[in-house]
N, C-alpha and C. Protein backbone atom coordinates (compact mmCIF):
# COMPACT_ATOMS: atom_id res chain seq x y z
N MET A 1 72.20 82.27 89.22
CA MET A 1 72.57 83.42 90.04
C MET A 1 74.08 83.62 90.00
N GLN A 2 74.50 84.82 89.72
CA GLN A 2 75.91 85.12 89.56
C GLN A 2 76.43 85.96 90.71
N VAL A 3 77.66 85.68 91.14
CA VAL A 3 78.36 86.49 92.13
C VAL A 3 79.76 86.76 91.61
N VAL A 4 80.39 87.83 92.13
CA VAL A 4 81.69 88.25 91.62
C VAL A 4 82.61 88.63 92.77
N GLY A 5 83.87 88.23 92.66
CA GLY A 5 84.92 88.68 93.57
C GLY A 5 85.89 89.56 92.78
N VAL A 6 86.27 90.69 93.34
CA VAL A 6 87.10 91.66 92.61
C VAL A 6 88.30 92.07 93.45
N ASP A 7 89.49 91.96 92.84
CA ASP A 7 90.72 92.37 93.51
C ASP A 7 91.44 93.39 92.63
N GLY A 8 91.95 94.45 93.23
CA GLY A 8 92.74 95.40 92.47
C GLY A 8 94.04 94.77 92.01
N CYS A 9 94.46 95.09 90.79
CA CYS A 9 95.71 94.56 90.26
C CYS A 9 96.37 95.62 89.39
N ARG A 10 97.55 95.33 88.89
CA ARG A 10 98.30 96.30 88.11
C ARG A 10 97.51 96.76 86.88
N GLY A 11 96.74 95.86 86.29
CA GLY A 11 95.98 96.20 85.09
C GLY A 11 94.63 96.84 85.37
N GLY A 12 94.27 96.97 86.63
CA GLY A 12 92.98 97.56 86.99
C GLY A 12 92.27 96.75 88.06
N TRP A 13 91.28 95.98 87.64
CA TRP A 13 90.47 95.19 88.57
C TRP A 13 90.31 93.78 88.01
N LEU A 14 90.74 92.79 88.77
CA LEU A 14 90.59 91.40 88.36
C LEU A 14 89.28 90.87 88.95
N ALA A 15 88.37 90.47 88.07
CA ALA A 15 87.05 90.00 88.50
C ALA A 15 86.91 88.51 88.22
N VAL A 16 86.47 87.77 89.22
CA VAL A 16 86.16 86.35 89.08
C VAL A 16 84.68 86.18 89.33
N ALA A 17 83.98 85.61 88.35
CA ALA A 17 82.53 85.43 88.45
C ALA A 17 82.18 83.95 88.59
N LEU A 18 81.28 83.67 89.52
CA LEU A 18 80.78 82.30 89.75
C LEU A 18 79.29 82.26 89.46
N GLU A 19 78.85 81.15 88.92
CA GLU A 19 77.42 80.89 88.75
C GLU A 19 77.00 79.87 89.80
N ALA A 20 76.15 80.30 90.72
CA ALA A 20 75.72 79.40 91.80
C ALA A 20 75.03 78.17 91.23
N GLY A 21 75.33 77.03 91.84
CA GLY A 21 74.70 75.78 91.43
C GLY A 21 75.33 75.13 90.22
N THR A 22 76.40 75.75 89.69
CA THR A 22 77.10 75.17 88.56
C THR A 22 78.60 75.22 88.85
N ARG A 23 79.39 74.70 87.94
CA ARG A 23 80.85 74.80 88.07
C ARG A 23 81.40 75.90 87.18
N SER A 24 80.50 76.78 86.70
CA SER A 24 80.91 77.87 85.81
C SER A 24 81.71 78.91 86.58
N ILE A 25 82.90 79.22 86.09
CA ILE A 25 83.74 80.25 86.70
C ILE A 25 84.53 80.93 85.59
N GLN A 26 84.64 82.24 85.65
CA GLN A 26 85.38 82.97 84.63
C GLN A 26 86.15 84.10 85.28
N ALA A 27 87.21 84.53 84.62
CA ALA A 27 88.03 85.62 85.15
C ALA A 27 88.35 86.59 84.02
N ARG A 28 88.38 87.88 84.38
CA ARG A 28 88.77 88.90 83.41
C ARG A 28 89.36 90.08 84.17
N VAL A 29 90.17 90.86 83.47
CA VAL A 29 90.72 92.09 84.04
C VAL A 29 90.04 93.26 83.37
N CYS A 30 89.48 94.16 84.17
CA CYS A 30 88.82 95.37 83.68
C CYS A 30 89.65 96.59 84.07
N ALA A 31 89.81 97.50 83.14
CA ALA A 31 90.61 98.69 83.43
C ALA A 31 89.94 99.60 84.45
N ARG A 32 88.61 99.66 84.42
CA ARG A 32 87.85 100.52 85.32
C ARG A 32 86.79 99.69 86.05
N PHE A 33 86.42 100.14 87.25
CA PHE A 33 85.44 99.38 88.01
C PHE A 33 84.06 99.43 87.34
N THR A 34 83.77 100.51 86.66
CA THR A 34 82.49 100.58 85.95
C THR A 34 82.37 99.45 84.92
N GLU A 35 83.52 99.02 84.37
CA GLU A 35 83.50 97.91 83.42
C GLU A 35 83.10 96.60 84.10
N VAL A 36 83.47 96.46 85.36
CA VAL A 36 83.05 95.26 86.12
C VAL A 36 81.54 95.25 86.25
N LEU A 37 80.97 96.39 86.62
CA LEU A 37 79.52 96.46 86.80
C LEU A 37 78.78 96.26 85.48
N THR A 38 79.37 96.75 84.39
CA THR A 38 78.76 96.56 83.07
C THR A 38 78.84 95.10 82.63
N ALA A 39 79.97 94.46 82.93
CA ALA A 39 80.16 93.06 82.53
C ALA A 39 79.24 92.12 83.29
N TYR A 40 78.92 92.47 84.54
CA TYR A 40 78.11 91.58 85.39
C TYR A 40 76.93 92.36 85.98
N PRO A 41 76.02 92.84 85.13
CA PRO A 41 74.93 93.70 85.63
C PRO A 41 73.94 93.00 86.55
N ASP A 42 73.87 91.68 86.46
CA ASP A 42 72.90 90.93 87.25
C ASP A 42 73.51 90.24 88.46
N ALA A 43 74.77 90.53 88.75
CA ALA A 43 75.42 89.88 89.89
C ALA A 43 74.70 90.23 91.19
N ARG A 44 74.39 89.20 91.96
CA ARG A 44 73.67 89.41 93.23
C ARG A 44 74.58 90.01 94.29
N ALA A 45 75.88 89.67 94.25
CA ALA A 45 76.83 90.17 95.24
C ALA A 45 78.18 90.35 94.56
N VAL A 46 78.81 91.49 94.84
CA VAL A 46 80.14 91.80 94.30
C VAL A 46 81.03 92.15 95.49
N ALA A 47 81.96 91.27 95.82
CA ALA A 47 82.85 91.45 96.97
C ALA A 47 84.17 92.02 96.48
N VAL A 48 84.59 93.14 97.06
CA VAL A 48 85.75 93.89 96.57
C VAL A 48 86.79 94.04 97.68
N ASP A 49 88.03 93.72 97.35
CA ASP A 49 89.11 93.92 98.32
C ASP A 49 89.65 95.35 98.19
N MET A 50 88.88 96.28 98.73
CA MET A 50 89.27 97.69 98.72
C MET A 50 88.42 98.40 99.77
N PRO A 51 89.02 99.34 100.52
CA PRO A 51 88.22 100.04 101.54
C PRO A 51 87.03 100.78 100.95
N ILE A 52 85.89 100.59 101.56
CA ILE A 52 84.66 101.31 101.20
C ILE A 52 84.11 101.92 102.49
N GLY A 53 83.87 103.23 102.47
CA GLY A 53 83.47 103.93 103.69
C GLY A 53 84.71 104.42 104.40
N LEU A 54 84.90 105.75 104.43
CA LEU A 54 86.15 106.33 104.91
C LEU A 54 85.90 107.44 105.92
N TRP A 55 86.88 107.65 106.79
CA TRP A 55 86.87 108.87 107.59
C TRP A 55 87.09 110.04 106.64
N GLU A 56 86.54 111.20 106.99
CA GLU A 56 86.63 112.35 106.10
C GLU A 56 88.03 112.98 106.08
N SER A 57 88.62 113.17 107.24
CA SER A 57 89.89 113.92 107.28
C SER A 57 90.67 113.54 108.54
N GLY A 58 91.77 114.25 108.75
CA GLY A 58 92.61 113.98 109.92
C GLY A 58 93.69 112.96 109.59
N ARG A 59 94.28 112.41 110.61
CA ARG A 59 95.33 111.41 110.42
C ARG A 59 94.73 110.08 109.97
N ALA A 60 95.54 109.29 109.29
CA ALA A 60 95.12 107.94 108.94
C ALA A 60 94.91 107.15 110.23
N ARG A 61 93.79 106.48 110.31
CA ARG A 61 93.47 105.72 111.51
C ARG A 61 92.51 104.60 111.15
N MET A 62 92.54 103.57 111.97
CA MET A 62 91.68 102.42 111.69
C MET A 62 90.21 102.81 111.79
N ARG A 63 89.43 102.25 110.91
CA ARG A 63 87.99 102.27 111.07
C ARG A 63 87.64 101.15 112.05
N PRO A 64 86.47 101.19 112.66
CA PRO A 64 86.10 100.10 113.57
C PRO A 64 86.18 98.72 112.92
N CYS A 65 85.79 98.64 111.64
CA CYS A 65 85.82 97.33 110.96
C CYS A 65 87.25 96.85 110.77
N ASP A 66 88.20 97.77 110.57
CA ASP A 66 89.61 97.37 110.42
C ASP A 66 90.12 96.75 111.72
N ALA A 67 89.78 97.38 112.84
CA ALA A 67 90.24 96.86 114.13
C ALA A 67 89.68 95.47 114.39
N LEU A 68 88.41 95.26 114.06
CA LEU A 68 87.80 93.95 114.27
C LEU A 68 88.41 92.90 113.33
N ALA A 69 88.69 93.31 112.10
CA ALA A 69 89.31 92.37 111.15
C ALA A 69 90.69 91.97 111.63
N ARG A 70 91.45 92.91 112.15
CA ARG A 70 92.78 92.60 112.68
C ARG A 70 92.70 91.64 113.86
N GLN A 71 91.71 91.83 114.70
CA GLN A 71 91.53 90.90 115.82
C GLN A 71 91.27 89.49 115.31
N ARG A 72 90.45 89.38 114.28
CA ARG A 72 90.12 88.06 113.72
C ARG A 72 91.36 87.37 113.16
N LEU A 73 92.24 88.14 112.54
CA LEU A 73 93.39 87.56 111.84
C LEU A 73 94.58 87.29 112.73
N GLY A 74 94.59 87.81 113.94
CA GLY A 74 95.66 87.50 114.88
C GLY A 74 97.03 87.87 114.34
N ASN A 75 97.92 86.88 114.20
CA ASN A 75 99.27 87.13 113.73
C ASN A 75 99.34 87.64 112.30
N ARG A 76 98.25 87.52 111.57
CA ARG A 76 98.19 88.01 110.20
C ARG A 76 97.49 89.38 110.13
N ALA A 77 97.38 90.06 111.25
CA ALA A 77 96.66 91.33 111.33
C ALA A 77 97.22 92.40 110.40
N ALA A 78 98.52 92.37 110.16
CA ALA A 78 99.15 93.40 109.32
C ALA A 78 98.66 93.37 107.89
N CYS A 79 97.96 92.31 107.49
CA CYS A 79 97.38 92.24 106.14
C CYS A 79 96.27 93.26 105.95
N VAL A 80 95.71 93.77 107.03
CA VAL A 80 94.66 94.78 106.95
C VAL A 80 95.31 96.15 107.07
N PHE A 81 95.43 96.87 105.95
CA PHE A 81 96.05 98.19 105.95
C PHE A 81 95.09 99.22 106.53
N ILE A 82 95.64 100.24 107.18
CA ILE A 82 94.84 101.38 107.60
C ILE A 82 94.60 102.24 106.37
N PRO A 83 93.35 102.49 105.99
CA PRO A 83 93.08 103.20 104.74
C PRO A 83 93.28 104.71 104.87
N PRO A 84 93.40 105.40 103.73
CA PRO A 84 93.47 106.85 103.76
C PRO A 84 92.12 107.46 104.14
N THR A 85 92.15 108.68 104.58
CA THR A 85 90.91 109.43 104.75
C THR A 85 90.45 109.92 103.37
N ARG A 86 89.22 110.38 103.28
CA ARG A 86 88.73 110.90 101.99
C ARG A 86 89.53 112.11 101.54
N ALA A 87 89.97 112.93 102.47
CA ALA A 87 90.77 114.09 102.11
C ALA A 87 92.10 113.70 101.48
N MET A 88 92.63 112.53 101.83
CA MET A 88 93.91 112.07 101.29
C MET A 88 93.81 111.56 99.86
N LEU A 89 92.60 111.35 99.37
CA LEU A 89 92.45 110.76 98.05
C LEU A 89 92.92 111.69 96.93
N ASN A 90 93.14 112.96 97.25
CA ASN A 90 93.65 113.91 96.25
C ASN A 90 95.16 114.01 96.26
N ALA A 91 95.83 113.25 97.11
CA ALA A 91 97.29 113.33 97.22
C ALA A 91 97.95 112.90 95.91
N ASP A 92 98.96 113.68 95.47
CA ASP A 92 99.69 113.30 94.26
C ASP A 92 101.15 112.95 94.56
N SER A 93 101.48 112.88 95.85
CA SER A 93 102.80 112.40 96.26
C SER A 93 102.66 111.82 97.67
N TYR A 94 103.64 111.02 98.04
CA TYR A 94 103.54 110.32 99.33
C TYR A 94 103.88 111.20 100.52
N ALA A 95 104.77 112.14 100.35
CA ALA A 95 105.28 112.91 101.49
C ALA A 95 104.19 113.53 102.36
N PRO A 96 103.19 114.22 101.79
CA PRO A 96 102.18 114.86 102.66
C PRO A 96 101.37 113.87 103.48
N VAL A 97 101.02 112.73 102.88
CA VAL A 97 100.18 111.77 103.61
C VAL A 97 101.01 110.90 104.54
N ARG A 98 102.31 110.79 104.24
CA ARG A 98 103.18 110.07 105.17
C ARG A 98 103.20 110.75 106.52
N THR A 99 103.23 112.09 106.52
CA THR A 99 103.25 112.83 107.78
C THR A 99 101.94 112.67 108.55
N LEU A 100 100.89 112.21 107.86
CA LEU A 100 99.60 111.97 108.50
C LEU A 100 99.40 110.50 108.85
N GLY A 101 100.48 109.72 108.77
CA GLY A 101 100.43 108.34 109.26
C GLY A 101 100.00 107.30 108.26
N LEU A 102 99.94 107.64 106.97
CA LEU A 102 99.53 106.64 105.98
C LEU A 102 100.73 105.82 105.54
N CYS A 103 100.59 104.50 105.53
CA CYS A 103 101.69 103.64 105.09
C CYS A 103 101.80 103.68 103.57
N VAL A 104 102.96 103.32 103.07
CA VAL A 104 103.19 103.42 101.63
C VAL A 104 102.32 102.44 100.85
N GLN A 105 102.02 101.27 101.44
CA GLN A 105 101.15 100.31 100.75
C GLN A 105 99.77 100.90 100.52
N ALA A 106 99.23 101.56 101.54
CA ALA A 106 97.92 102.19 101.40
C ALA A 106 97.97 103.37 100.43
N TYR A 107 99.09 104.09 100.41
CA TYR A 107 99.22 105.20 99.48
C TYR A 107 99.10 104.71 98.03
N HIS A 108 99.70 103.58 97.72
CA HIS A 108 99.65 103.07 96.36
C HIS A 108 98.25 102.58 95.97
N LEU A 109 97.38 102.39 96.96
CA LEU A 109 95.99 102.01 96.67
C LEU A 109 95.09 103.20 96.39
N ILE A 110 95.59 104.41 96.61
CA ILE A 110 94.73 105.60 96.51
C ILE A 110 94.01 105.70 95.16
N PRO A 111 94.64 105.49 94.01
CA PRO A 111 93.88 105.58 92.76
C PRO A 111 92.68 104.64 92.71
N ARG A 112 92.85 103.41 93.20
CA ARG A 112 91.74 102.45 93.20
C ARG A 112 90.66 102.87 94.22
N ILE A 113 91.10 103.31 95.40
CA ILE A 113 90.13 103.72 96.41
C ILE A 113 89.35 104.94 95.93
N ARG A 114 90.06 105.90 95.32
CA ARG A 114 89.41 107.12 94.81
C ARG A 114 88.37 106.78 93.75
N GLU A 115 88.72 105.86 92.85
CA GLU A 115 87.79 105.44 91.80
C GLU A 115 86.53 104.82 92.39
N LEU A 116 86.72 103.92 93.35
CA LEU A 116 85.58 103.25 93.96
C LEU A 116 84.75 104.20 94.81
N ASP A 117 85.41 105.10 95.53
CA ASP A 117 84.70 106.04 96.40
C ASP A 117 83.83 106.99 95.58
N ALA A 118 84.29 107.37 94.40
CA ALA A 118 83.50 108.26 93.55
C ALA A 118 82.26 107.57 93.00
N LEU A 119 82.31 106.26 92.91
CA LEU A 119 81.23 105.49 92.31
C LEU A 119 80.18 105.01 93.30
N LEU A 120 80.63 104.64 94.50
CA LEU A 120 79.74 103.97 95.46
C LEU A 120 78.71 104.91 96.07
N THR A 121 77.51 104.38 96.22
CA THR A 121 76.42 105.03 96.96
C THR A 121 75.87 104.01 97.95
N PRO A 122 75.15 104.46 98.98
CA PRO A 122 74.54 103.47 99.89
C PRO A 122 73.65 102.48 99.15
N GLU A 123 72.97 102.91 98.10
CA GLU A 123 72.11 102.01 97.34
C GLU A 123 72.93 100.95 96.62
N LEU A 124 73.98 101.37 95.92
CA LEU A 124 74.82 100.40 95.20
C LEU A 124 75.53 99.47 96.17
N GLN A 125 75.80 99.96 97.37
CA GLN A 125 76.54 99.17 98.35
C GLN A 125 75.73 97.99 98.87
N THR A 126 74.45 97.93 98.59
CA THR A 126 73.68 96.77 99.01
C THR A 126 74.14 95.50 98.28
N ARG A 127 74.80 95.67 97.12
CA ARG A 127 75.32 94.49 96.43
C ARG A 127 76.81 94.57 96.12
N VAL A 128 77.40 95.75 96.26
CA VAL A 128 78.85 95.91 96.05
C VAL A 128 79.47 96.31 97.38
N TRP A 129 80.20 95.40 98.00
CA TRP A 129 80.65 95.67 99.36
C TRP A 129 82.09 95.23 99.56
N GLU A 130 82.68 95.77 100.62
CA GLU A 130 84.08 95.49 100.95
C GLU A 130 84.25 94.11 101.56
N SER A 131 85.29 93.45 101.13
CA SER A 131 85.65 92.16 101.71
C SER A 131 87.17 92.14 101.88
N HIS A 132 87.70 91.01 102.33
CA HIS A 132 89.14 90.87 102.49
C HIS A 132 89.50 89.40 102.29
N PRO A 133 90.39 89.10 101.33
CA PRO A 133 90.67 87.69 101.03
C PRO A 133 91.26 86.90 102.19
N GLU A 134 92.04 87.55 103.06
CA GLU A 134 92.61 86.78 104.18
C GLU A 134 91.51 86.33 105.14
N LEU A 135 90.47 87.14 105.29
CA LEU A 135 89.32 86.72 106.09
C LEU A 135 88.55 85.62 105.38
N SER A 136 88.46 85.71 104.05
CA SER A 136 87.79 84.65 103.28
C SER A 136 88.52 83.32 103.44
N PHE A 137 89.85 83.34 103.29
CA PHE A 137 90.60 82.10 103.45
C PHE A 137 90.50 81.57 104.87
N MET A 138 90.48 82.47 105.85
CA MET A 138 90.32 82.05 107.23
C MET A 138 88.98 81.32 107.42
N ALA A 139 87.92 81.87 106.80
CA ALA A 139 86.61 81.23 106.91
C ALA A 139 86.59 79.87 106.22
N MET A 140 87.35 79.73 105.14
CA MET A 140 87.41 78.45 104.42
C MET A 140 88.09 77.37 105.24
N THR A 141 89.21 77.75 105.86
CA THR A 141 90.08 76.76 106.49
C THR A 141 89.89 76.63 108.00
N GLY A 142 89.23 77.63 108.60
CA GLY A 142 89.02 77.59 110.04
C GLY A 142 90.07 78.35 110.84
N ALA A 143 91.11 78.84 110.16
CA ALA A 143 92.18 79.61 110.82
C ALA A 143 92.90 80.42 109.76
N PRO A 144 93.53 81.54 110.15
CA PRO A 144 94.30 82.31 109.16
C PRO A 144 95.41 81.46 108.56
N ILE A 145 95.67 81.66 107.26
CA ILE A 145 96.79 80.99 106.61
C ILE A 145 98.06 81.70 107.03
N THR A 146 98.96 80.97 107.62
CA THR A 146 100.12 81.59 108.26
C THR A 146 101.17 82.08 107.28
N HIS A 147 101.28 81.45 106.12
CA HIS A 147 102.32 81.82 105.16
C HIS A 147 101.84 82.96 104.27
N PRO A 148 102.68 83.97 104.02
CA PRO A 148 102.30 85.07 103.12
C PRO A 148 101.92 84.56 101.74
N LYS A 149 101.05 85.29 101.06
CA LYS A 149 100.46 84.78 99.82
C LYS A 149 101.44 84.71 98.65
N ARG A 150 102.54 85.43 98.71
CA ARG A 150 103.47 85.42 97.59
C ARG A 150 104.63 84.44 97.79
N THR A 151 104.57 83.65 98.84
CA THR A 151 105.56 82.60 99.03
C THR A 151 105.02 81.30 98.44
N PRO A 152 105.88 80.37 98.05
CA PRO A 152 105.39 79.10 97.50
C PRO A 152 104.45 78.36 98.44
N LEU A 153 104.79 78.32 99.73
CA LEU A 153 103.93 77.63 100.69
C LEU A 153 102.59 78.34 100.84
N GLY A 154 102.64 79.67 100.88
CA GLY A 154 101.41 80.44 101.01
C GLY A 154 100.51 80.28 99.81
N GLN A 155 101.10 80.32 98.62
CA GLN A 155 100.31 80.16 97.41
C GLN A 155 99.67 78.78 97.35
N GLN A 156 100.43 77.74 97.68
CA GLN A 156 99.88 76.40 97.62
C GLN A 156 98.77 76.20 98.65
N ALA A 157 98.94 76.77 99.83
CA ALA A 157 97.90 76.66 100.86
C ALA A 157 96.60 77.29 100.38
N ARG A 158 96.70 78.40 99.67
CA ARG A 158 95.50 79.08 99.17
C ARG A 158 94.88 78.32 98.01
N ILE A 159 95.72 77.76 97.15
CA ILE A 159 95.20 76.92 96.07
C ILE A 159 94.45 75.72 96.63
N ASP A 160 95.03 75.06 97.62
CA ASP A 160 94.39 73.90 98.24
C ASP A 160 93.04 74.28 98.85
N ALA A 161 93.00 75.44 99.52
CA ALA A 161 91.74 75.88 100.15
C ALA A 161 90.68 76.15 99.09
N LEU A 162 91.06 76.79 97.99
CA LEU A 162 90.10 77.09 96.92
C LEU A 162 89.62 75.83 96.22
N GLN A 163 90.52 74.88 96.03
CA GLN A 163 90.12 73.64 95.37
C GLN A 163 89.07 72.91 96.19
N ARG A 164 89.22 72.96 97.51
CA ARG A 164 88.21 72.32 98.37
C ARG A 164 86.91 73.14 98.40
N ALA A 165 87.03 74.46 98.56
CA ALA A 165 85.84 75.30 98.76
C ALA A 165 85.01 75.44 97.49
N LEU A 166 85.68 75.54 96.34
CA LEU A 166 84.97 75.78 95.08
C LEU A 166 84.97 74.57 94.16
N ASN A 167 85.55 73.48 94.63
CA ASN A 167 85.63 72.26 93.81
C ASN A 167 86.37 72.54 92.50
N LEU A 168 87.44 73.34 92.61
CA LEU A 168 88.26 73.68 91.45
C LEU A 168 89.31 72.61 91.21
N ASP A 169 89.56 72.30 89.95
CA ASP A 169 90.69 71.44 89.66
C ASP A 169 91.83 72.28 89.11
N ALA A 170 93.00 71.67 89.02
CA ALA A 170 94.20 72.40 88.62
C ALA A 170 94.07 72.97 87.21
N ASP A 171 93.42 72.24 86.31
CA ASP A 171 93.26 72.70 84.93
C ASP A 171 92.39 73.95 84.86
N THR A 172 91.33 73.99 85.67
CA THR A 172 90.45 75.16 85.67
C THR A 172 91.20 76.39 86.16
N LEU A 173 91.97 76.24 87.21
CA LEU A 173 92.74 77.35 87.74
C LEU A 173 93.77 77.83 86.71
N LYS A 174 94.37 76.89 86.01
CA LYS A 174 95.35 77.25 84.99
C LYS A 174 94.68 78.02 83.85
N THR A 175 93.46 77.62 83.47
CA THR A 175 92.72 78.32 82.43
C THR A 175 92.39 79.74 82.85
N LEU A 176 91.97 79.91 84.09
CA LEU A 176 91.67 81.24 84.61
C LEU A 176 92.93 82.11 84.59
N TRP A 177 94.05 81.54 84.96
CA TRP A 177 95.31 82.27 85.01
C TRP A 177 95.71 82.72 83.61
N HIS A 178 95.55 81.86 82.63
CA HIS A 178 95.89 82.23 81.25
C HIS A 178 94.98 83.36 80.75
N ALA A 179 93.76 83.42 81.27
CA ALA A 179 92.81 84.44 80.82
C ALA A 179 93.16 85.84 81.31
N CYS A 180 93.95 85.94 82.37
CA CYS A 180 94.16 87.27 82.96
C CYS A 180 95.62 87.65 83.17
N ARG A 181 96.55 86.73 83.01
CA ARG A 181 97.93 87.06 83.38
C ARG A 181 98.57 88.09 82.46
N THR A 182 98.15 88.12 81.18
CA THR A 182 98.75 89.09 80.25
C THR A 182 98.14 90.48 80.39
N ALA A 183 97.11 90.61 81.22
CA ALA A 183 96.43 91.90 81.38
C ALA A 183 96.84 92.62 82.66
N GLY A 184 97.96 92.22 83.24
CA GLY A 184 98.47 92.94 84.40
C GLY A 184 98.03 92.38 85.73
N ALA A 185 97.82 91.06 85.80
CA ALA A 185 97.43 90.42 87.06
C ALA A 185 98.46 89.37 87.45
N ARG A 186 98.65 89.18 88.74
CA ARG A 186 99.53 88.13 89.26
C ARG A 186 98.68 86.96 89.74
N MET A 187 99.33 85.84 89.99
CA MET A 187 98.61 84.67 90.49
C MET A 187 97.96 84.96 91.83
N ASP A 188 98.64 85.70 92.72
CA ASP A 188 98.04 85.99 94.01
C ASP A 188 96.80 86.86 93.86
N ASP A 189 96.75 87.73 92.84
CA ASP A 189 95.54 88.51 92.58
C ASP A 189 94.38 87.59 92.22
N LEU A 190 94.67 86.60 91.37
CA LEU A 190 93.63 85.65 90.97
C LEU A 190 93.13 84.84 92.15
N LEU A 191 94.03 84.35 92.98
CA LEU A 191 93.62 83.56 94.14
C LEU A 191 92.78 84.41 95.09
N ASP A 192 93.18 85.66 95.30
CA ASP A 192 92.40 86.55 96.16
C ASP A 192 91.01 86.79 95.58
N ALA A 193 90.92 87.04 94.28
CA ALA A 193 89.61 87.29 93.66
C ALA A 193 88.71 86.06 93.75
N CYS A 194 89.29 84.87 93.61
CA CYS A 194 88.51 83.63 93.78
C CYS A 194 87.97 83.52 95.20
N ALA A 195 88.81 83.86 96.18
CA ALA A 195 88.38 83.80 97.57
C ALA A 195 87.24 84.78 97.84
N LEU A 196 87.34 85.97 97.25
CA LEU A 196 86.29 86.97 97.41
C LEU A 196 84.99 86.50 96.76
N ALA A 197 85.09 85.85 95.60
CA ALA A 197 83.90 85.31 94.95
C ALA A 197 83.24 84.26 95.83
N TRP A 198 84.05 83.45 96.50
CA TRP A 198 83.50 82.46 97.43
C TRP A 198 82.74 83.15 98.56
N SER A 199 83.28 84.24 99.08
CA SER A 199 82.59 84.98 100.14
C SER A 199 81.29 85.58 99.62
N ALA A 200 81.32 86.09 98.39
CA ALA A 200 80.08 86.62 97.80
C ALA A 200 79.03 85.53 97.66
N LEU A 201 79.47 84.33 97.27
CA LEU A 201 78.54 83.22 97.13
C LEU A 201 77.95 82.83 98.47
N ARG A 202 78.76 82.75 99.50
CA ARG A 202 78.21 82.34 100.79
C ARG A 202 77.34 83.43 101.40
N HIS A 203 77.56 84.69 100.97
CA HIS A 203 76.67 85.77 101.40
C HIS A 203 75.25 85.54 100.87
N THR A 204 75.14 85.09 99.62
CA THR A 204 73.81 84.85 99.05
C THR A 204 73.11 83.67 99.73
N ARG A 205 73.89 82.87 100.43
CA ARG A 205 73.33 81.73 101.17
C ARG A 205 73.12 82.06 102.64
N HIS A 206 73.27 83.35 102.96
CA HIS A 206 73.09 83.84 104.34
C HIS A 206 74.06 83.20 105.32
N GLN A 207 75.28 82.94 104.84
CA GLN A 207 76.31 82.32 105.67
C GLN A 207 77.48 83.25 105.97
N SER A 208 77.49 84.44 105.39
CA SER A 208 78.65 85.32 105.55
C SER A 208 78.69 85.93 106.94
N GLU A 209 79.88 86.37 107.30
CA GLU A 209 80.11 87.10 108.55
C GLU A 209 80.59 88.50 108.20
N GLN A 210 80.58 89.40 109.18
CA GLN A 210 81.11 90.72 108.89
C GLN A 210 81.75 91.36 110.12
N CYS A 211 82.72 92.20 109.84
CA CYS A 211 83.33 93.03 110.87
C CYS A 211 82.66 94.40 110.78
N LEU A 212 81.92 94.77 111.81
CA LEU A 212 81.15 96.00 111.79
C LEU A 212 81.16 96.60 113.19
N GLY A 213 81.68 97.81 113.31
CA GLY A 213 81.76 98.45 114.62
C GLY A 213 80.89 99.69 114.68
N THR A 214 81.25 100.61 115.57
CA THR A 214 80.52 101.86 115.75
C THR A 214 81.50 103.03 115.62
N PRO A 215 81.21 104.03 114.76
CA PRO A 215 79.99 104.16 113.94
C PRO A 215 79.99 103.20 112.77
N GLU A 216 78.80 102.86 112.30
CA GLU A 216 78.69 101.91 111.20
C GLU A 216 78.88 102.57 109.85
N ARG A 217 78.54 103.86 109.74
CA ARG A 217 78.57 104.53 108.44
C ARG A 217 79.44 105.78 108.47
N ASP A 218 79.96 106.12 107.28
CA ASP A 218 80.77 107.33 107.20
C ASP A 218 79.89 108.54 106.92
N ALA A 219 80.50 109.68 106.66
CA ALA A 219 79.75 110.93 106.49
C ALA A 219 78.86 110.91 105.24
N ARG A 220 79.17 110.07 104.28
CA ARG A 220 78.35 109.96 103.07
C ARG A 220 77.31 108.86 103.16
N GLY A 221 77.24 108.22 104.31
CA GLY A 221 76.25 107.15 104.49
C GLY A 221 76.71 105.79 104.02
N LEU A 222 78.00 105.67 103.64
CA LEU A 222 78.51 104.37 103.22
C LEU A 222 78.84 103.51 104.44
N LEU A 223 78.48 102.26 104.37
CA LEU A 223 78.72 101.32 105.45
C LEU A 223 80.22 101.03 105.55
N MET A 224 80.77 101.14 106.76
CA MET A 224 82.16 100.76 107.00
C MET A 224 82.14 99.35 107.59
N ALA A 225 82.16 98.38 106.71
CA ALA A 225 82.04 96.97 107.12
C ALA A 225 82.87 96.11 106.19
N ILE A 226 83.44 95.06 106.73
CA ILE A 226 84.18 94.08 105.94
C ILE A 226 83.44 92.76 106.07
N ARG A 227 82.83 92.32 104.98
CA ARG A 227 82.02 91.10 104.99
C ARG A 227 82.83 89.98 104.31
N PHE A 228 82.70 88.78 104.82
CA PHE A 228 83.52 87.69 104.26
C PHE A 228 82.84 86.34 104.33
């Protein structure tokens, strides 16, 4: 049984695939999300660090799942960006959406969110769902990791957590890094994708948790939930 964790990166989408019951793990960068689905057609769960299920219009505002995720993360709440509305996905400059309250970090995610939003249906969402690596690491360690992921301390804390959770050794992680670093991915992208794959794996074992509020679904019927 295969599961996949996917994180957006400069080169497109960094996918980490795990085979349950084995130590098999692989990483690749796909330019388009459809390539991820083609590469792993039999994956039981695909956990993606990207908003799925959006408000239609108006100002940028938290979805219920965002608010619950922020509560879970405490001092690390700022890691959960407020996503754009569906109407904002057509923006070709920051100025118009800035006036509607969208932060610049979320603005730079618009191409990835737009790509995923055009693809997702309620049916596909039964196996391709939104996750968040900081929630995954919190579930691994029992508390949010206090150091930011791009600092040396933060990176090492995440490596340590993954080595324990996935039984990864340093050589395996180095091999994964060599497989994707030239394709536009950073080390923190790889660590995040590994954490998401771990969440996908524990979902198949009926151990995952989720942030889900009211309303549960957007206007297109997509679930607004963050599972980890």
